[in-house]
Structures are given as structure tokens and as C-alpha cells.
């Protein structure tokens, strides 16, 4: 089968490596892909938002199945456009992708169907939002309604900071039209957990939980990034919490989307906070998380491509989806200065005795030489019997991948180990 993967980051590299394990997959194209993905798929320079070009390419190359794994093309309706040409896809259609595309929609959905989340108010008018902030308990969270490259969420420690966030979003348009509407919600406290789930619109199968590390610097200091590393499973996600999450959040969300005439098929990401009252939803994503995918998929024992097809065809209840009981750790190697200013164009050198998983995110091929081209350059993942040894192995592997201005956090997984120790 000829497969098309829409996207070009570390998440896509992890997906491509995993679907290559299926013998029916004969050829993989990545649009646009990247310099590292080029070793596992044919990369084509078509952007993820160029929906018409994506469809034309798929038709011309007789693609059998498409995997749309990035938020922008999903929200823009790439699955709908491909389906219209008879090409089956992994991923939600435009009506369902709104669960990530609009925070106002998702918050209203949770409120309507009693799915636990933070208290909130949504605003289309700047002055009303500013007036409301005078009544809020601080800290408070201000969110742009639409997609904003993971940067549209501000945790304000003062009323002034909150008002500045509203003005920058709604008046200054720092996130474009994504900030035309805003959500102001209460600040929740507790450990965060990421849970990805396969779903065909009826059945939901949660994957292994994970813990992301968003801040740029050690000990959760510095600016928010797209993620500097992950570990799986997340020790905060106990069997008791998992049971409550499935009963109170996962199944109700899938059923709510059906009731709204927006059945969700693909991978639904649940960003959870484990509060004193139990698990609550911080956010939904309509696709695999990045870099959560880089620790979750290496633990998947069942054939990924088979599972993906089952979500498309509504047969997920017929598949026994299994995950390893091992642990995984992914450490991101970034360009120093990320997520602000940084330099690129440096050669990436990988030692010949590298023995682990490497998922390339921000790199390009320059006359056959792999060079840095982004902030997050590669994710290095190790799997082992327990979390402590997986973390140790991952950090040893990072020493075998080098480029000028390489930067990494040195504490990925330390918090998880501390929590795990306290649970004993």
C-alpha cells in the first residue's frame, strides 16, 4: 500500500517508523517531511496547509491511505478533501477537529455534557473580558480561541498580566484571528498527565500515559516550548485515576461528539490535571501529541497501521491494542536559544554505535549532509524495563548525537521518579 503522511516533525517521524513495521506498507510519502524523515520516506515539498496540492498529489500518486497528523491541516479540512477523492484517512474530519480548533467550542462541550474541567467564561468583546478580569481570582488563565502553535495560553499571576494578555490577543492580534475570541478560566493545580487515545467514534482505547516537560530550562524554569522531553508511563496516572478518567472524561467526550453530529475518528489527545476533586480536562488536541508520541509509540506492541485502519473503518472494538509494560524516555536536543532566537545550519553527527530511537524534527539535508533547521532538532528515545534505567539510557544516547549549539534539559523524568518514589 502507498501511504501519505501529512506533517514534518518528530511526531511524524515516529509514526512513519512505526507504520513501516507493517508488511503491507510498500511506499511512504511525507508532505513536507524533513531531512531525517527522508531516510524512511520520500519527502515532497508541499506545505501542510496547501490542502489542494496535498489532494492533487494523493490522487496523482494513487495513494491508498493518508495519515493527517498535524493540527492545521486537520482543522482546515484535509481529511474531508481527501475523503472526497475516495482516499481513506487516519484523523478527524473538519467538524470533529474543532475540538482543538476552538477552545470556546471545547469548553462549551464540556459544560453541556458535564465533563470535568476548569470554570470559565468566553468572550468575543475585549472590554467585557477586561471588566470580567476585575472579578477573577488570581492566578488566572487566558486562552486564545484558535490554534496558536501551542503559545496561545497565558497563566497570569496578576490582573495586569491577564489584561495585557487579553489586549495582545484581541486588540494587537499577536495570534491573528485565533485571538479574536478568548477564554478566561480558573487556574487549576495538580500534576499534569497526557493521555492519547485511539477512537473510531464509538470505541475509545487509551494509550500509555505520559509526562511532558514544556519549560525550556531545568526545574521547569524558562519559557514554554513545544516540549523538551517526555517519559511514559506517568506515575501520577494510577489505576484509580485511569478508571475515573475513562468513565468521567474519555467515554463522555466521544459520546458528546456523536451527539453533536461530530463523531471523532483518529487520535484524541487528553491533557489532564489531577486535582483534589479528580482528573479534569485542561485541553483537547485532535491528533497525536509531540513529543508524547515519541515515547508512547515505541511502547505499542500492536501493529500501528492496523489500529489506524480500524479507527477509520469503525472496527476498533475488534482489535486488541496492547502496550509494553516497559518505560520510555525521550530527551529533546534543541538549538541553544530556543524558543526565542537561535542559529541553524549546523551539521548533525550521530555516532556509529548509536543504539536507540532518534526522531528528527528540525533538520534538513544540504547536499546529503543532515543539518539543523529548527528549534527542536531531534528527540532521542530509550526504552527499558523501568523508568530510572530508561532515563539513564536516553541521556547516554544524547551524548552520541552532536551539533554546534546543542542544548537539552538535564532533568527530564526526575519529577516522575520523585513522584514514583513517594507513591511507594
Protein backbone atom coordinates (compact mmCIF):
# COMPACT_ATOMS: atom_id res chain seq x y z
CA UNK A 1 0.00 0.00 0.00
CA UNK A 2 1.08 3.56 -0.74
CA UNK A 3 0.84 5.76 2.37
CA UNK A 4 0.85 9.55 2.64
CA UNK A 5 1.78 11.25 5.92
CA UNK A 6 0.96 14.95 6.21
CA UNK A 7 3.45 16.69 8.51
CA UNK A 8 7.16 17.16 9.03
CA UNK A 9 8.22 16.87 12.66
CA UNK A 10 9.44 14.39 15.23
CA UNK A 11 5.91 13.11 15.73
CA UNK A 12 5.61 12.27 12.05
CA UNK A 13 8.99 10.56 12.07
CA UNK A 14 7.84 8.37 14.97
CA UNK A 15 4.61 7.50 13.13
CA UNK A 16 6.43 6.69 9.90
CA UNK A 17 8.97 4.44 11.62
CA UNK A 18 6.15 2.55 13.33
CA UNK A 19 3.94 2.02 10.27
CA UNK A 20 6.95 0.72 8.33
CA UNK A 21 6.72 -2.38 10.51
CA UNK A 22 3.56 -3.40 8.61
CA UNK A 23 4.49 -5.55 5.59
CA UNK A 24 1.55 -4.27 3.54
CA UNK A 25 3.09 -0.77 3.58
CA UNK A 26 5.22 -0.63 0.44
CA UNK A 27 5.84 3.10 -0.02
CA UNK A 28 5.55 6.16 2.22
CA UNK A 29 5.44 9.81 1.18
CA UNK A 30 5.83 12.64 3.71
CA UNK A 31 4.49 16.14 2.97
CA UNK A 32 6.67 18.05 3.60
CA UNK A 33 8.75 15.72 5.79
CA UNK A 34 12.26 16.76 6.83
CA UNK A 35 15.90 15.79 6.37
CA UNK A 36 15.71 12.96 8.88
CA UNK A 37 12.38 11.61 7.70
CA UNK A 38 13.96 11.37 4.24
CA UNK A 39 15.78 8.23 5.38
CA UNK A 40 12.44 6.50 5.99
CA UNK A 41 10.09 8.06 3.42
CA UNK A 42 10.02 10.09 0.21
CA UNK A 43 9.70 13.75 1.19
CA UNK A 44 7.76 16.13 -1.05
CA UNK A 45 7.91 19.90 -0.61
CA UNK A 46 4.21 20.56 -0.15
CA UNK A 47 3.17 22.52 2.97
CA UNK A 48 0.66 21.12 5.46
CA UNK A 49 -1.80 23.97 4.78
CA UNK A 50 -1.73 23.52 1.00
CA UNK A 51 -4.78 21.29 1.02
CA UNK A 52 -5.47 21.39 -2.74
CA UNK A 53 -1.87 20.45 -3.54
CA UNK A 54 -1.95 17.65 -0.97
CA UNK A 55 -5.09 16.22 -2.55
CA UNK A 56 -3.73 16.56 -6.09
CA UNK A 57 -0.54 14.75 -5.07
CA UNK A 58 -2.51 11.97 -3.40
CA UNK A 59 -4.69 11.44 -6.47
CA UNK A 60 -1.82 11.61 -8.97
CA UNK A 61 0.26 9.13 -6.97
CA UNK A 62 -2.64 6.75 -6.30
CA UNK A 63 -2.30 6.97 -2.51
CA UNK A 64 -4.15 4.16 -0.72
CA UNK A 65 -4.25 5.69 2.76
CA UNK A 66 -3.40 9.08 4.26
CA UNK A 67 -2.35 9.92 7.82
CA UNK A 68 -3.02 13.56 8.69
CA UNK A 69 -1.17 14.12 11.94
CA UNK A 70 -0.85 17.88 12.34
CA UNK A 71 -3.44 20.29 13.76
CA UNK A 72 -3.57 22.90 10.98
CA UNK A 73 -4.47 20.57 8.06
CA UNK A 74 -6.99 18.72 10.23
CA UNK A 75 -8.75 21.94 11.27
CA UNK A 76 -8.63 23.16 7.65
CA UNK A 77 -10.41 20.00 6.43
CA UNK A 78 -7.64 17.94 4.83
CA UNK A 79 -9.40 14.68 5.75
CA UNK A 80 -12.66 15.87 4.18
CA UNK A 81 -10.87 16.85 0.97
CA UNK A 82 -9.02 13.53 0.74
CA UNK A 83 -12.16 11.52 1.57
CA UNK A 84 -13.99 13.36 -1.22
CA UNK A 85 -11.50 11.79 -3.66
CA UNK A 86 -12.04 8.34 -2.18
CA UNK A 87 -8.85 8.26 -0.10
CA UNK A 88 -9.27 6.77 3.37
CA UNK A 89 -7.61 8.70 6.19
CA UNK A 90 -6.45 8.47 9.77
CA UNK A 91 -7.59 11.62 11.54
CA UNK A 92 -10.80 13.53 12.27
CA UNK A 93 -12.78 15.47 9.69
CA UNK A 94 -13.16 19.23 9.95
CA UNK A 95 -16.35 19.07 12.03
CA UNK A 96 -14.65 16.90 14.64
CA UNK A 97 -11.25 18.68 14.58
CA UNK A 98 -12.98 21.77 16.00
CA UNK A 99 -12.46 20.15 19.42
CA UNK A 100 -8.91 21.53 19.17
CA UNK A 101 -9.56 24.28 16.64
CA UNK A 102 -11.83 26.20 19.01
CA UNK A 103 -11.31 26.34 22.76
CA UNK A 104 -14.70 28.03 23.09
CA UNK A 105 -16.32 25.03 21.40
CA UNK A 106 -14.47 22.50 23.58
CA UNK A 107 -15.23 24.36 26.83
CA UNK A 108 -18.89 24.69 25.91
CA UNK A 109 -18.97 20.98 25.00
CA UNK A 110 -17.58 20.00 28.40
CA UNK A 111 -20.01 22.28 30.20
CA UNK A 112 -23.01 20.93 28.26
CA UNK A 113 -22.14 17.28 28.87
CA UNK A 114 -20.81 17.55 32.42
CA UNK A 115 -17.19 16.69 31.60
CA UNK A 116 -14.93 17.94 34.43
CA UNK A 117 -12.85 20.98 33.53
CA UNK A 118 -11.92 24.40 34.91
CA UNK A 119 -14.64 27.02 35.39
CA UNK A 120 -14.52 29.58 32.59
CA UNK A 121 -16.10 32.43 30.64
CA UNK A 122 -15.75 33.03 26.89
CA UNK A 123 -15.59 36.49 25.33
CA UNK A 124 -15.89 37.98 21.85
CA UNK A 125 -15.57 41.55 23.16
CA UNK A 126 -12.33 42.92 24.63
CA UNK A 127 -13.93 45.40 27.06
CA UNK A 128 -16.20 42.75 28.54
CA UNK A 129 -13.21 40.45 29.05
CA UNK A 130 -11.21 43.20 30.76
CA UNK A 131 -14.12 44.04 33.05
CA UNK A 132 -14.58 40.38 33.98
CA UNK A 133 -10.90 40.08 34.97
CA UNK A 134 -11.50 42.56 37.81
CA UNK A 135 -13.71 39.91 39.44
CA UNK A 136 -11.35 36.94 38.91
CA UNK A 137 -9.29 35.07 41.45
CA UNK A 138 -5.57 35.24 40.64
CA UNK A 139 -3.71 33.46 39.09
CA UNK A 140 -5.99 33.12 36.09
CA UNK A 141 -5.58 31.50 32.66
CA UNK A 142 -6.19 33.40 29.40
CA UNK A 143 -6.51 31.33 26.21
CA UNK A 144 -6.79 32.33 22.55
CA UNK A 145 -9.73 30.50 21.00
CA UNK A 146 -7.96 29.13 17.92
CA UNK A 147 -4.68 27.42 17.04
CA UNK A 148 -1.59 29.34 18.09
CA UNK A 149 1.34 26.92 17.77
CA UNK A 150 0.94 25.94 21.42
CA UNK A 151 1.62 29.54 22.54
CA UNK A 152 -1.94 30.80 22.95
CA UNK A 153 -2.22 30.06 26.68
CA UNK A 154 -1.10 32.62 29.27
CA UNK A 155 -1.02 31.92 33.00
CA UNK A 156 -1.35 35.39 34.52
CA UNK A 157 -0.03 35.97 38.06
CA UNK A 158 -1.61 39.43 38.31
CA UNK A 159 -4.73 41.15 36.96
CA UNK A 160 -2.45 43.46 34.95
CA UNK A 161 -0.75 40.48 33.26
CA UNK A 162 -4.15 38.99 32.46
CA UNK A 163 -5.37 42.25 30.94
CA UNK A 164 -2.18 42.60 28.90
CA UNK A 165 -2.76 39.07 27.58
CA UNK A 166 -6.33 39.91 26.54
CA UNK A 167 -5.23 43.12 24.82
CA UNK A 168 -2.36 41.40 22.99
CA UNK A 169 -4.70 38.65 21.76
CA UNK A 170 -7.86 40.59 20.96
CA UNK A 171 -6.53 44.03 20.01
CA UNK A 172 -2.91 43.55 18.94
CA UNK A 173 -3.74 40.23 17.21
CA UNK A 174 -0.45 38.56 18.21
CA UNK A 175 -2.05 35.23 17.26
CA UNK A 176 -4.01 36.61 14.30
CA UNK A 177 -7.65 35.63 14.12
CA UNK A 178 -7.03 32.86 16.66
CA UNK A 179 -7.25 35.52 19.35
CA UNK A 180 -10.48 37.15 18.16
CA UNK A 181 -12.26 35.23 20.92
CA UNK A 182 -10.73 34.36 24.28
CA UNK A 183 -11.46 32.00 27.13
CA UNK A 184 -10.71 33.10 30.69
CA UNK A 185 -10.65 30.20 33.12
CA UNK A 186 -9.77 29.33 36.68
CA UNK A 187 -6.24 28.21 37.47
CA UNK A 188 -6.19 24.53 38.39
CA UNK A 189 -3.45 22.92 40.48
CA UNK A 190 -2.13 19.37 40.48
CA UNK A 191 0.12 17.12 38.39
CA UNK A 192 -0.45 17.10 34.63
CA UNK A 193 -0.92 13.95 32.58
CA UNK A 194 -1.09 13.45 28.81
CA UNK A 195 -3.22 10.58 27.54
CA UNK A 196 -3.54 9.84 23.83
CA UNK A 197 -6.44 7.65 22.77
CA UNK A 198 -7.39 5.80 19.60
CA UNK A 199 -11.06 6.13 18.72
CA UNK A 200 -13.34 5.21 15.82
CA UNK A 201 -16.17 7.42 17.07
CA UNK A 202 -17.70 4.63 19.16
CA UNK A 203 -14.90 2.78 20.92
CA UNK A 204 -12.10 4.58 22.76
CA UNK A 205 -8.76 2.91 23.56
CA UNK A 206 -6.45 4.96 25.80
CA UNK A 207 -2.73 4.61 25.18
CA UNK A 208 0.07 4.64 27.75
CA UNK A 209 0.06 7.84 29.80
CA UNK A 210 2.99 10.26 29.60
CA UNK A 211 4.51 13.32 31.28
CA UNK A 212 5.63 16.24 29.13
CA UNK A 213 8.21 18.86 30.11
CA UNK A 214 7.17 22.15 28.50
CA UNK A 215 9.57 24.67 30.02
CA UNK A 216 12.85 25.42 28.26
CA UNK A 217 15.12 25.08 31.28
CA UNK A 218 15.78 22.65 34.12
CA UNK A 219 13.39 22.52 37.08
CA UNK A 220 10.57 23.90 34.93
CA UNK A 221 12.17 27.32 34.56
CA UNK A 222 12.20 29.45 31.42
CA UNK A 223 9.69 29.91 28.63
CA UNK A 224 7.12 27.41 27.42
CA UNK A 225 8.21 25.34 24.41
CA UNK A 226 6.66 22.69 22.23
CA UNK A 227 8.09 20.17 24.70
CA UNK A 228 11.66 19.43 25.82
CA UNK A 229 11.13 15.78 26.65
CA UNK A 230 8.70 13.14 27.85
CA UNK A 231 8.52 10.00 29.90
CA UNK A 232 5.99 7.16 29.88
CA UNK A 233 4.13 5.92 31.76
CA UNK A 234 3.25 8.86 34.03
CA UNK A 235 3.32 7.69 37.68
CA UNK A 236 0.57 10.18 38.59
CA UNK A 237 -1.81 8.25 36.35
CA UNK A 238 -2.68 5.49 38.79
CA UNK A 239 -5.17 2.71 38.07
CA UNK A 240 -7.77 4.58 40.13
CA UNK A 241 -7.24 7.83 38.21
CA UNK A 242 -7.33 5.96 34.88
CA UNK A 243 -10.67 4.38 35.76
CA UNK A 244 -12.19 7.74 36.66
CA UNK A 245 -10.75 9.43 33.56
CA UNK A 246 -12.22 6.78 31.27
CA UNK A 247 -15.62 6.89 32.95
CA UNK A 248 -15.90 10.66 33.51
CA UNK A 249 -13.90 12.09 30.58
CA UNK A 250 -12.91 9.77 27.72
CA UNK A 251 -16.18 7.96 27.05
CA UNK A 252 -18.38 11.03 27.74
CA UNK A 253 -16.27 13.10 25.30
CA UNK A 254 -16.59 10.55 22.48
CA UNK A 255 -20.33 10.23 23.12
CA UNK A 256 -20.73 14.03 23.29
CA UNK A 257 -19.12 14.45 19.88
CA UNK A 258 -21.51 11.86 18.42
CA UNK A 259 -24.46 13.68 20.00
CA UNK A 260 -23.25 16.93 18.42
CA UNK A 261 -23.12 15.29 14.98
CA UNK A 262 -19.32 15.44 15.01
CA UNK A 263 -18.12 11.85 15.54
CA UNK A 264 -14.38 11.84 16.18
CA UNK A 265 -12.13 9.29 14.46
CA UNK A 266 -8.37 9.12 14.87
CA UNK A 267 -6.24 10.06 17.86
CA UNK A 268 -7.74 12.29 20.54
CA UNK A 269 -5.30 13.86 22.99
CA UNK A 270 -6.49 14.46 26.54
CA UNK A 271 -4.44 16.97 28.51
CA UNK A 272 -5.46 16.27 32.11
CA UNK A 273 -4.78 17.76 35.51
CA UNK A 274 -5.18 15.52 38.54
CA UNK A 275 -6.85 17.88 41.02
CA UNK A 276 -8.05 17.18 44.56
CA UNK A 277 -11.51 16.60 43.06
CA UNK A 278 -10.18 14.15 40.49
CA UNK A 279 -8.99 14.36 36.86
CA UNK A 280 -10.09 17.42 34.86
CA UNK A 281 -9.52 18.37 31.22
CA UNK A 282 -7.04 21.18 30.56
CA UNK A 283 -7.22 20.81 26.79
CA UNK A 284 -8.07 18.52 23.90
CA UNK A 285 -5.89 18.03 20.83
CA UNK A 286 -7.29 16.44 17.68
CA UNK A 287 -4.09 14.47 16.95
CA UNK A 288 -1.04 12.78 18.42
CA UNK A 289 0.91 14.99 20.82
CA UNK A 290 4.52 15.99 20.19
CA UNK A 291 6.78 14.82 21.86
CA UNK A 292 4.40 12.42 23.67
CA UNK A 293 4.19 10.29 20.52
CA UNK A 294 7.94 9.69 20.70
CA UNK A 295 7.57 7.74 23.98
CA UNK A 296 4.12 6.23 23.50
CA UNK A 297 4.55 4.58 20.08
CA UNK A 298 7.80 2.76 20.97
CA UNK A 299 5.77 1.02 23.72
CA UNK A 300 2.95 -0.03 21.35
CA UNK A 301 3.09 -3.79 20.73
CA UNK A 302 0.11 -3.99 18.36
CA UNK A 303 0.69 -3.05 14.71
CA UNK A 304 0.03 0.70 14.43
CA UNK A 305 -1.16 0.69 10.83
CA UNK A 306 -3.75 -2.00 11.62
CA UNK A 307 -5.05 0.08 14.54
CA UNK A 308 -5.21 3.21 12.38
CA UNK A 309 -7.27 1.45 9.73
CA UNK A 310 -9.63 0.17 12.43
CA UNK A 311 -10.30 3.76 13.59
CA UNK A 312 -11.11 4.72 10.00
CA UNK A 313 -13.44 1.80 9.34
CA UNK A 314 -15.19 1.70 12.72
CA UNK A 315 -13.78 -1.67 13.79
CA UNK A 316 -11.63 -0.66 16.75
CA UNK A 317 -13.64 -2.93 19.05
CA UNK A 318 -12.31 -5.89 17.05
CA UNK A 319 -8.65 -5.02 17.74
CA UNK A 320 -6.74 -5.99 20.87
CA UNK A 321 -4.46 -2.98 21.37
CA UNK A 322 -1.51 -3.88 23.59
CA UNK A 323 1.29 -1.83 25.11
CA UNK A 324 4.54 -2.96 26.68
CA UNK A 325 4.92 -2.74 30.46
CA UNK A 326 8.35 -1.16 29.90
CA UNK A 327 9.10 2.54 30.35
CA UNK A 328 10.33 5.11 27.84
CA UNK A 329 12.13 8.45 27.97
CA UNK A 330 12.58 10.99 25.19
CA UNK A 331 15.07 13.85 25.53
CA UNK A 332 14.83 16.69 23.01
CA UNK A 333 18.07 18.10 21.62
CA UNK A 334 17.39 21.71 20.69
CA UNK A 335 19.20 24.70 19.23
CA UNK A 336 20.51 26.87 22.08
CA UNK A 337 18.24 29.90 22.45
CA UNK A 338 15.03 28.07 21.57
CA UNK A 339 12.17 29.04 21.85
CA UNK A 340 13.45 32.56 21.17
CA UNK A 341 16.38 33.38 18.86
CA UNK A 342 18.70 30.60 17.76
CA UNK A 343 21.02 29.76 14.87
CA UNK A 344 20.70 26.83 12.48
CA UNK A 345 22.65 25.23 9.65
CA UNK A 346 24.98 23.10 11.75
CA UNK A 347 25.87 19.54 10.78
CA UNK A 348 24.28 16.82 12.92
CA UNK A 349 26.70 14.00 13.71
CA UNK A 350 25.44 10.67 15.01
CA UNK A 351 27.96 8.18 16.42
CA UNK A 352 28.12 4.86 14.57
CA UNK A 353 27.39 2.93 17.77
CA UNK A 354 24.13 4.82 18.46
CA UNK A 355 21.67 2.15 19.59
CA UNK A 356 18.27 3.68 20.28
CA UNK A 357 15.46 5.60 18.65
CA UNK A 358 16.08 9.01 17.09
CA UNK A 359 13.20 11.07 15.76
CA UNK A 360 14.16 14.05 13.65
CA UNK A 361 12.17 17.28 13.92
CA UNK A 362 14.11 20.36 12.82
CA UNK A 363 16.69 19.23 10.28
CA UNK A 364 17.26 19.45 6.54
CA UNK A 365 19.50 17.72 4.03
CA UNK A 366 22.12 20.02 2.48
CA UNK A 367 23.98 18.18 -0.31
CA UNK A 368 23.42 14.94 1.53
CA UNK A 369 24.51 16.33 4.91
CA UNK A 370 21.95 16.49 7.73
CA UNK A 371 21.93 19.97 9.26
CA UNK A 372 19.88 21.75 11.92
CA UNK A 373 16.96 23.82 10.62
CA UNK A 374 14.72 24.39 13.65
CA UNK A 375 14.48 24.96 17.38
CA UNK A 376 13.75 21.40 18.41
CA UNK A 377 16.20 19.37 16.32
CA UNK A 378 15.86 15.71 17.34
CA UNK A 379 14.24 13.58 20.01
CA UNK A 380 16.31 10.73 21.43
CA UNK A 381 14.24 7.91 22.95
CA UNK A 382 15.24 4.92 25.04
CA UNK A 383 13.06 2.05 26.29
CA UNK A 384 13.90 -0.13 29.26
CA UNK A 385 12.31 -2.26 31.98
CA UNK A 386 11.89 0.61 34.42
CA UNK A 387 11.74 4.39 34.26
CA UNK A 388 15.05 5.04 36.00
CA UNK A 389 17.09 2.93 33.56
CA UNK A 390 15.14 4.27 30.54
CA UNK A 391 16.06 7.83 31.57
CA UNK A 392 19.68 6.85 32.13
CA UNK A 393 19.88 5.17 28.71
CA UNK A 394 18.25 8.15 26.96
CA UNK A 395 20.79 10.59 28.40
CA UNK A 396 23.69 8.34 27.41
CA UNK A 397 22.30 8.31 23.87
CA UNK A 398 22.18 12.13 23.77
CA UNK A 399 25.98 12.15 24.03
CA UNK A 400 26.11 10.25 20.74
CA UNK A 401 24.23 12.95 18.79
CA UNK A 402 26.08 16.22 18.37
CA UNK A 403 25.84 19.56 16.61
CA UNK A 404 27.10 23.05 17.35
CA UNK A 405 24.91 24.95 19.90
CA UNK A 406 23.23 21.71 21.07
CA UNK A 407 21.04 22.26 24.12
CA UNK A 408 18.99 19.94 26.32
CA UNK A 409 17.31 19.89 29.67
CA UNK A 410 19.15 17.69 32.16
CA UNK A 411 16.19 16.79 34.37
CA UNK A 412 13.74 15.02 32.06
CA UNK A 413 11.95 12.40 34.17
CA UNK A 414 13.35 13.50 37.55
CA UNK A 415 9.96 14.72 38.72
CA UNK A 416 8.36 11.44 37.64
CA UNK A 417 10.97 9.44 39.58
CA UNK A 418 10.34 11.56 42.68
CA UNK A 419 6.57 11.03 42.41
CA UNK A 420 7.07 7.31 41.86
CA UNK A 421 9.24 7.09 44.97
CA UNK A 422 6.63 8.91 47.07
CA UNK A 423 3.90 6.53 45.89
CA UNK A 424 5.75 3.51 47.32
